[in-house]
Amino acid sequence: MKKAIAFSLPTLALLIFITSCKSLPQEQKSILFGAQQTELYISKLKKHKNIAIVANQTSVIFNSNNEPVHLIDSLLKLNIPISKVFAPEHGFRGKADAGEYINDTKDNKTGLPIISLYGGNKKPKPEQLTNVDLVVFDIQDVGVRFYTYISTLHYIMESCAELNIPVMILDRPNPNGHYIDGPLLKLEYKSFVGMHPIPIVYGMTIGEYGKMINGEKWLTNEITCDLTVIPLKNYTHDSKYSLPIKPSPNLPNDTSINLYPSICFFEGTVVSCGRGTEIQFQIFGDPKLPKSSFEFEFTPTPNFGSKYPKHKNELCYGKDLRNSEYLNQLNLEWLVRSYKSYPNKSEFFNSFFVKLAGTNKLQEQIENNIPIKKIKASWKSDLDDFKSMQKKYLIY
């Protein structure tokens, strides 16, 4: 095989993952993401003298042999002046655990400094942007409010707006872009896992989301960022898109990405969502759930995606969701059923649940045995307002 990646990525693992994937459907082969369309942005980049890239392991294009080439390799080969790289949660190589502190580092092959935005600071400091005259953002998102890459985008845009540095987003498909659902975040529960008054699943690409951040004046002091979006080609929000590279350590495949918005609620409870196994976000379970109703068994152990998994080395009883139907809405049944079956309900939720939900109302509704249909009906007015608002920013 030809050498495709000069930059220090986990090349062998990446190629094994890609070659193990099923053949892409014809619809997917026709989708061209922003980074792939070099002709749309290369002349713009050549006008700048000092460029920073926000990137991770997903920031690749594919050559004619369907081999991955990192965006930074591609740009360096074209003599684009890259001075530094900013890396989000999970790090530049996408290997760090969720929430793991990540230090700054340097790439051994290129010498480029890699500045962590999940370590000492989540918002770039002015000194970290000294002499930078353009920031390019190219990270694969999954379209869920509590997936923190959109929070990183917010802080990139905010720092650049304060320093009059333009930002270019190379857009990528949203694998959960086919629906909008969930309670809207209330600003009193704002955190890095939810910064804006949007539903849990918001149905926009990251380029569209950047436009919405600007248009709704969500940056500090209502400033706006000089933003350019390099759009996708042949994409609609109904397009099914199979991610060729894991966007983070615990989303290993399409099924986990589709289930993630619904299963991640368990992160705010005592129940495991499969971290410490090879089928993360495709199962859930807990040692105290009744085996008679939750027949699937698994035992979390430390692995590449979780050094300290919940219920480490404990036998858990739960459900295997790998063969569940493809979701086009949030599923609350698994969460509600687990709560009702848990022996000590006062222990079930933890403080993180409210941050994930973006409101304290959902926990109260579950604790008060409100039917799921009524819970979802309580979101309708807010969702209608959001859908009306976000139409202004849709590209596709």
Foldseek 3Di string as FASTA:
>chain_A
DDDAEPFPEPQVVLVVLLVPDDDDDPLQVPKDFQLQPCVVPVVVLVVAAEEEEEAAQLQWDADPVRGTYHSVNVCVVVVRHYAAYEYEPCGRRQQDAGLDADQWDATPRPRHTYHYLRHPHVADDPVNCPRHQEYEYEAFDQQFQQPQPLLSVLRPQQSCLVVVHAYEYGWDAHQLLLAAAAAFADCVLADSRHHHRGGGGHNAISQLVLVVCLVVLSHPPSGGHNYHYRGMPSDDSPDRYWRSDDSHDQQSTSQLSQQVSQLVLQVQWLKFQDAQHPNGSQKIWDLQFDCVVQVDWDAHDADSHHNDGRNHRHITGTHGRSPPDRDNYHDCVRVLVRLVRGPDNVRTGHPCSCSSNSHPVVVVCSVVVPDPVVVRVVRVVVNVVSVVVSVVRHPD
